[in-house]
Amino acid sequence: MGMLRRAGRPHGARVVCGDGVALPVSGDAFDVVYASFTLELFAATEIPIVLSEALRVLRPGGRLGIVSLTKDDSARIVRVYEWAHRQLPALVDCRPIDARAALESAGFRISHAARDQVSGLPVEILVGRKPG
């Protein structure tokens, strides 16, 4: 909560703490929603719900920024990580996902895409725009 208090200082931004599957704000409320290494923590069945909530709270033309572990079948470490997630989900709580496909399926138009690595794991950086 200390970070939330600090974030509450006047700066023109609004910080909201809530559940990603049922955001506690009205529709068309934000210009930007950002999630870094968060989406892959949700169950596969919840990811479309989280993204539909992001779409709902964004104003038309608003942007969703996502940074996530991504699937790269050529990376052996990804297969090991996915195996560890299946075997020990409480310990290895996230896993690589196809964030681009998830954003596009939710109705976002990808305006920026890049790939990088963090500790040898492939990472995808995406910006999706809400149509309108």
Protein backbone atom coordinates (compact mmCIF):
# COMPACT_ATOMS: atom_id res chain seq x y z
CA MET A 1 0.00 0.00 0.00
CA GLY A 2 2.97 2.36 0.43
CA MET A 3 3.41 2.48 -3.34
CA LEU A 4 -0.28 3.27 -3.78
CA ARG A 5 -0.03 6.12 -1.26
CA ARG A 6 3.02 7.46 -3.03
CA ALA A 7 1.27 7.14 -6.39
CA GLY A 8 -1.62 9.17 -4.96
CA ARG A 9 0.49 12.33 -5.05
CA PRO A 10 -0.78 14.95 -7.51
CA HIS A 11 0.59 14.14 -10.96
CA GLY A 12 -2.40 14.02 -13.26
CA ALA A 13 -2.60 10.22 -13.32
CA ARG A 14 -5.24 8.08 -11.67
CA VAL A 15 -4.22 4.84 -9.97
CA VAL A 16 -6.91 2.25 -9.36
CA CYS A 17 -6.43 -0.97 -7.42
CA GLY A 18 -8.91 -3.70 -8.33
CA ASP A 19 -9.50 -7.15 -9.75
CA GLY A 20 -8.57 -7.45 -13.43
CA VAL A 21 -11.62 -9.57 -14.22
CA ALA A 22 -14.02 -6.92 -12.84
CA LEU A 23 -12.40 -3.49 -12.83
CA PRO A 24 -14.09 -1.09 -10.38
CA VAL A 25 -14.44 1.80 -12.85
CA SER A 26 -16.92 2.94 -15.46
CA GLY A 27 -16.42 2.39 -19.17
CA ASP A 28 -14.34 4.73 -21.33
CA ALA A 29 -12.50 5.99 -18.23
CA PHE A 30 -8.81 5.78 -19.21
CA ASP A 31 -6.49 6.72 -22.05
CA VAL A 32 -3.95 4.02 -21.11
CA VAL A 33 -3.97 0.67 -19.32
CA TYR A 34 -0.59 -0.97 -18.65
CA ALA A 35 0.26 -4.48 -17.47
CA SER A 36 3.82 -5.75 -17.20
CA PHE A 37 4.36 -9.46 -16.55
CA THR A 38 0.78 -9.65 -15.30
CA LEU A 39 -1.41 -11.13 -18.02
CA GLU A 40 0.39 -14.47 -17.92
CA LEU A 41 -0.48 -14.83 -14.21
CA PHE A 42 -4.18 -15.23 -15.02
CA ALA A 43 -5.72 -18.59 -15.87
CA ALA A 44 -6.05 -19.11 -19.63
CA THR A 45 -9.84 -18.83 -19.28
CA GLU A 46 -9.52 -15.46 -17.51
CA ILE A 47 -7.22 -13.74 -20.02
CA PRO A 48 -10.06 -12.92 -22.49
CA ILE A 49 -12.11 -11.54 -19.58
CA VAL A 50 -9.22 -9.36 -18.37
CA LEU A 51 -8.67 -8.04 -21.90
CA SER A 52 -12.38 -7.33 -22.40
CA GLU A 53 -12.31 -5.36 -19.14
CA ALA A 54 -9.31 -3.37 -20.40
CA LEU A 55 -11.16 -2.70 -23.64
CA ARG A 56 -14.26 -1.60 -21.71
CA VAL A 57 -12.44 0.92 -19.48
CA LEU A 58 -10.36 2.44 -22.30
CA ARG A 59 -11.65 5.44 -24.18
CA PRO A 60 -11.97 5.03 -27.97
CA GLY A 61 -8.44 5.17 -29.38
CA GLY A 62 -7.01 4.35 -25.93
CA ARG A 63 -3.92 2.16 -25.62
CA LEU A 64 -3.21 -1.06 -23.77
CA GLY A 65 0.49 -1.67 -23.07
CA ILE A 66 1.48 -5.27 -22.38
CA VAL A 67 4.83 -6.81 -21.51
CA SER A 68 4.69 -10.58 -21.17
CA LEU A 69 6.59 -13.80 -21.42
CA THR A 70 5.92 -15.06 -24.91
CA LYS A 71 5.85 -18.42 -26.59
CA ASP A 72 8.89 -19.15 -28.72
CA ASP A 73 8.93 -22.81 -29.66
CA SER A 74 12.59 -22.60 -30.63
CA ALA A 75 13.65 -21.60 -27.11
CA ARG A 76 14.31 -24.67 -24.99
CA ILE A 77 14.02 -22.60 -21.82
CA VAL A 78 10.39 -21.82 -22.73
CA ARG A 79 9.55 -25.52 -22.86
CA VAL A 80 11.26 -26.05 -19.49
CA TYR A 81 9.38 -23.09 -18.01
CA GLU A 82 6.03 -24.37 -19.33
CA TRP A 83 6.77 -27.84 -17.91
CA ALA A 84 7.66 -26.32 -14.52
CA HIS A 85 4.42 -24.31 -14.55
CA ARG A 86 2.38 -27.46 -15.21
CA GLN A 87 4.20 -29.44 -12.49
CA LEU A 88 4.48 -26.69 -9.83
CA PRO A 89 1.89 -24.00 -10.62
CA ALA A 90 2.05 -22.51 -7.10
CA LEU A 91 5.82 -22.06 -7.40
CA VAL A 92 6.12 -21.17 -11.10
CA ASP A 93 2.94 -19.13 -11.27
CA CYS A 94 3.27 -17.63 -14.73
CA ARG A 95 3.97 -19.11 -18.12
CA PRO A 96 4.63 -17.87 -21.64
CA ILE A 97 1.50 -16.86 -23.56
CA ASP A 98 0.61 -15.68 -27.07
CA ALA A 99 -0.24 -12.14 -25.99
CA ARG A 100 -0.55 -10.81 -29.53
CA ALA A 101 -3.23 -13.35 -30.46
CA ALA A 102 -5.04 -12.67 -27.17
CA LEU A 103 -5.08 -8.89 -27.76
CA GLU A 104 -6.25 -9.27 -31.35
CA SER A 105 -8.98 -11.74 -30.31
CA ALA A 106 -10.17 -9.23 -27.71
CA GLY A 107 -10.59 -6.54 -30.38
CA PHE A 108 -7.37 -4.54 -30.00
CA ARG A 109 -5.47 -3.31 -33.04
CA ILE A 110 -1.73 -3.82 -32.54
CA SER A 111 0.10 -0.51 -33.09
CA HIS A 112 3.51 -1.56 -31.74
CA ALA A 113 5.22 -4.90 -31.28
CA ALA A 114 8.74 -5.75 -30.17
CA ARG A 115 10.57 -8.74 -28.74
CA ASP A 116 13.35 -8.91 -26.20
CA GLN A 117 14.72 -11.30 -23.59
CA VAL A 118 14.72 -11.22 -19.80
CA SER A 119 16.95 -13.79 -18.08
CA GLY A 120 16.99 -15.82 -21.30
CA LEU A 121 13.20 -15.90 -21.60
CA PRO A 122 11.55 -14.36 -24.67
CA VAL A 123 9.47 -11.28 -23.88
CA GLU A 124 6.92 -9.53 -26.07
CA ILE A 125 6.15 -5.83 -25.75
CA LEU A 126 2.85 -4.83 -27.32
CA VAL A 127 0.69 -1.76 -27.63
CA GLY A 128 -2.89 -2.36 -28.68
CA ARG A 129 -5.38 0.38 -29.52
CA LYS A 130 -9.08 0.33 -28.83
CA PRO A 131 -10.88 1.01 -32.11
CA GLY A 132 -12.76 4.26 -32.42
